[in-house]
Amino acid sequence: MTKLEQIEKSVSELDADELQAFATWFHELQAKRWDIQFAQDAENGALDALANSALAEFKAGRSRSL
């Protein structure tokens, strides 16, 4: 049995409260990993093209207030 299959089996056996606690924990884990990836992308310039494009659209008057 693979690690993923073991996790799936364990999760499927959780009661409702445990499943909710697991879901909350997993959501927080994903958010933390996303934050780390976003920070790395910002630091290494991976988002520069998107930022420059957005600024160009703004300066060209092709944006609106939210």
N, C-alpha and C. Protein backbone atom coordinates (compact mmCIF):
# COMPACT_ATOMS: atom_id res chain seq x y z
N MET A 1 0.85 -1.18 0.00
CA MET A 1 0.00 0.00 0.00
C MET A 1 0.90 1.24 0.00
N THR A 2 0.59 2.17 -0.90
CA THR A 2 1.39 3.39 -0.97
C THR A 2 1.05 4.32 0.19
N LYS A 3 1.90 5.30 0.38
CA LYS A 3 1.66 6.28 1.43
C LYS A 3 0.33 7.00 1.21
N LEU A 4 0.06 7.34 -0.06
CA LEU A 4 -1.20 8.03 -0.37
C LEU A 4 -2.39 7.13 -0.06
N GLU A 5 -2.31 5.88 -0.41
CA GLU A 5 -3.40 4.95 -0.11
C GLU A 5 -3.61 4.82 1.39
N GLN A 6 -2.53 4.82 2.17
CA GLN A 6 -2.64 4.75 3.62
C GLN A 6 -3.35 5.99 4.16
N ILE A 7 -2.98 7.15 3.63
CA ILE A 7 -3.61 8.40 4.06
C ILE A 7 -5.09 8.38 3.70
N GLU A 8 -5.41 7.99 2.47
CA GLU A 8 -6.81 7.94 2.04
C GLU A 8 -7.63 7.03 2.96
N LYS A 9 -7.07 5.87 3.27
CA LYS A 9 -7.76 4.92 4.14
C LYS A 9 -7.97 5.53 5.52
N SER A 10 -6.94 6.15 6.07
CA SER A 10 -7.06 6.75 7.40
C SER A 10 -8.08 7.88 7.42
N VAL A 11 -8.05 8.72 6.40
CA VAL A 11 -8.99 9.84 6.34
C VAL A 11 -10.42 9.32 6.20
N SER A 12 -10.61 8.30 5.41
CA SER A 12 -11.97 7.77 5.21
C SER A 12 -12.55 7.16 6.48
N GLU A 13 -11.69 6.84 7.44
CA GLU A 13 -12.14 6.24 8.68
C GLU A 13 -12.38 7.27 9.79
N LEU A 14 -12.12 8.53 9.53
CA LEU A 14 -12.33 9.56 10.55
C LEU A 14 -13.81 9.79 10.80
N ASP A 15 -14.16 10.10 12.06
CA ASP A 15 -15.55 10.49 12.32
C ASP A 15 -15.72 11.95 11.90
N ALA A 16 -16.92 12.46 11.98
CA ALA A 16 -17.23 13.80 11.47
C ALA A 16 -16.37 14.89 12.11
N ASP A 17 -16.20 14.84 13.42
CA ASP A 17 -15.40 15.86 14.11
C ASP A 17 -13.93 15.78 13.71
N GLU A 18 -13.42 14.57 13.64
CA GLU A 18 -12.03 14.38 13.24
C GLU A 18 -11.82 14.83 11.80
N LEU A 19 -12.78 14.53 10.94
CA LEU A 19 -12.67 14.93 9.54
C LEU A 19 -12.67 16.45 9.42
N GLN A 20 -13.50 17.13 10.21
CA GLN A 20 -13.52 18.58 10.19
C GLN A 20 -12.19 19.15 10.68
N ALA A 21 -11.64 18.58 11.73
CA ALA A 21 -10.34 19.03 12.24
C ALA A 21 -9.25 18.80 11.20
N PHE A 22 -9.30 17.65 10.54
CA PHE A 22 -8.32 17.35 9.50
C PHE A 22 -8.45 18.33 8.34
N ALA A 23 -9.70 18.60 7.92
CA ALA A 23 -9.93 19.51 6.81
C ALA A 23 -9.39 20.90 7.13
N THR A 24 -9.61 21.36 8.35
CA THR A 24 -9.10 22.66 8.77
C THR A 24 -7.58 22.67 8.74
N TRP A 25 -6.96 21.63 9.30
CA TRP A 25 -5.51 21.53 9.31
C TRP A 25 -4.96 21.51 7.89
N PHE A 26 -5.59 20.72 7.00
CA PHE A 26 -5.10 20.59 5.64
C PHE A 26 -5.24 21.91 4.88
N HIS A 27 -6.34 22.60 5.09
CA HIS A 27 -6.54 23.91 4.45
C HIS A 27 -5.43 24.88 4.89
N GLU A 28 -5.13 24.90 6.18
CA GLU A 28 -4.07 25.78 6.70
C GLU A 28 -2.71 25.40 6.12
N LEU A 29 -2.45 24.11 5.99
CA LEU A 29 -1.19 23.64 5.40
C LEU A 29 -1.07 24.12 3.96
N GLN A 30 -2.14 23.97 3.19
CA GLN A 30 -2.12 24.43 1.79
C GLN A 30 -1.90 25.94 1.72
N ALA A 31 -2.54 26.69 2.59
CA ALA A 31 -2.38 28.15 2.59
C ALA A 31 -0.94 28.54 2.91
N LYS A 32 -0.34 27.88 3.90
CA LYS A 32 1.05 28.17 4.25
C LYS A 32 1.99 27.86 3.08
N ARG A 33 1.77 26.73 2.43
CA ARG A 33 2.61 26.36 1.29
C ARG A 33 2.43 27.33 0.13
N TRP A 34 1.20 27.79 -0.09
CA TRP A 34 0.93 28.76 -1.14
C TRP A 34 1.65 30.07 -0.83
N ASP A 35 1.58 30.50 0.44
CA ASP A 35 2.27 31.74 0.84
C ASP A 35 3.76 31.63 0.59
N ILE A 36 4.34 30.49 0.93
CA ILE A 36 5.78 30.28 0.72
C ILE A 36 6.10 30.33 -0.77
N GLN A 37 5.30 29.64 -1.58
CA GLN A 37 5.54 29.64 -3.03
C GLN A 37 5.39 31.04 -3.61
N PHE A 38 4.37 31.76 -3.18
CA PHE A 38 4.15 33.13 -3.66
C PHE A 38 5.34 34.02 -3.31
N ALA A 39 5.82 33.91 -2.08
CA ALA A 39 6.98 34.71 -1.65
C ALA A 39 8.21 34.37 -2.48
N GLN A 40 8.42 33.09 -2.75
CA GLN A 40 9.56 32.68 -3.57
C GLN A 40 9.42 33.22 -4.99
N ASP A 41 8.22 33.13 -5.55
CA ASP A 41 7.99 33.64 -6.91
C ASP A 41 8.22 35.14 -6.97
N ALA A 42 7.76 35.86 -5.95
CA ALA A 42 7.95 37.31 -5.92
C ALA A 42 9.44 37.64 -5.80
N GLU A 43 10.14 36.90 -4.98
CA GLU A 43 11.56 37.15 -4.76
C GLU A 43 12.41 36.86 -5.99
N ASN A 44 12.06 35.80 -6.73
CA ASN A 44 12.89 35.44 -7.87
C ASN A 44 12.43 36.08 -9.18
N GLY A 45 11.45 36.96 -9.10
CA GLY A 45 11.03 37.71 -10.27
C GLY A 45 9.99 37.03 -11.15
N ALA A 46 9.46 35.91 -10.71
CA ALA A 46 8.51 35.18 -11.53
C ALA A 46 7.20 35.94 -11.73
N LEU A 47 6.93 36.92 -10.89
CA LEU A 47 5.69 37.69 -11.01
C LEU A 47 5.90 39.04 -11.68
N ASP A 48 7.13 39.38 -12.02
CA ASP A 48 7.43 40.69 -12.59
C ASP A 48 6.66 40.97 -13.88
N ALA A 49 6.58 40.00 -14.76
CA ALA A 49 5.87 40.20 -16.03
C ALA A 49 4.39 40.50 -15.78
N LEU A 50 3.80 39.79 -14.84
CA LEU A 50 2.39 40.05 -14.52
C LEU A 50 2.21 41.44 -13.93
N ALA A 51 3.09 41.83 -13.04
CA ALA A 51 3.01 43.16 -12.43
C ALA A 51 3.20 44.24 -13.49
N ASN A 52 4.17 44.07 -14.35
CA ASN A 52 4.42 45.05 -15.40
C ASN A 52 3.23 45.17 -16.35
N SER A 53 2.62 44.05 -16.68
CA SER A 53 1.45 44.06 -17.55
C SER A 53 0.29 44.79 -16.88
N ALA A 54 0.07 44.53 -15.61
CA ALA A 54 -1.01 45.19 -14.88
C ALA A 54 -0.76 46.69 -14.79
N LEU A 55 0.47 47.09 -14.53
CA LEU A 55 0.79 48.52 -14.47
C LEU A 55 0.59 49.19 -15.82
N ALA A 56 0.96 48.52 -16.89
CA ALA A 56 0.77 49.07 -18.23
C ALA A 56 -0.71 49.24 -18.53
N GLU A 57 -1.53 48.28 -18.17
CA GLU A 57 -2.98 48.39 -18.37
C GLU A 57 -3.54 49.56 -17.57
N PHE A 58 -3.07 49.72 -16.35
CA PHE A 58 -3.52 50.83 -15.50
C PHE A 58 -3.13 52.16 -16.11
N LYS A 59 -1.88 52.29 -16.50
CA LYS A 59 -1.39 53.54 -17.06
C LYS A 59 -2.08 53.89 -18.39
N ALA A 60 -2.54 52.87 -19.12
CA ALA A 60 -3.23 53.07 -20.38
C ALA A 60 -4.72 53.36 -20.16
N GLY A 61 -5.14 53.41 -18.92
CA GLY A 61 -6.54 53.70 -18.62
C GLY A 61 -7.48 52.53 -18.83
N ARG A 62 -6.95 51.32 -18.88
CA ARG A 62 -7.79 50.15 -19.10
C ARG A 62 -8.06 49.39 -17.81
N SER A 63 -8.34 50.15 -16.76
CA SER A 63 -8.68 49.55 -15.47
C SER A 63 -9.83 50.34 -14.87
N ARG A 64 -10.39 49.80 -13.82
CA ARG A 64 -11.48 50.50 -13.12
C ARG A 64 -11.34 50.26 -11.62
N SER A 65 -11.94 51.13 -10.87
CA SER A 65 -11.90 51.00 -9.41
C SER A 65 -12.72 49.78 -8.98
N LEU A 66 -12.28 49.18 -7.93
CA LEU A 66 -13.02 48.04 -7.39
C LEU A 66 -14.13 48.48 -6.47
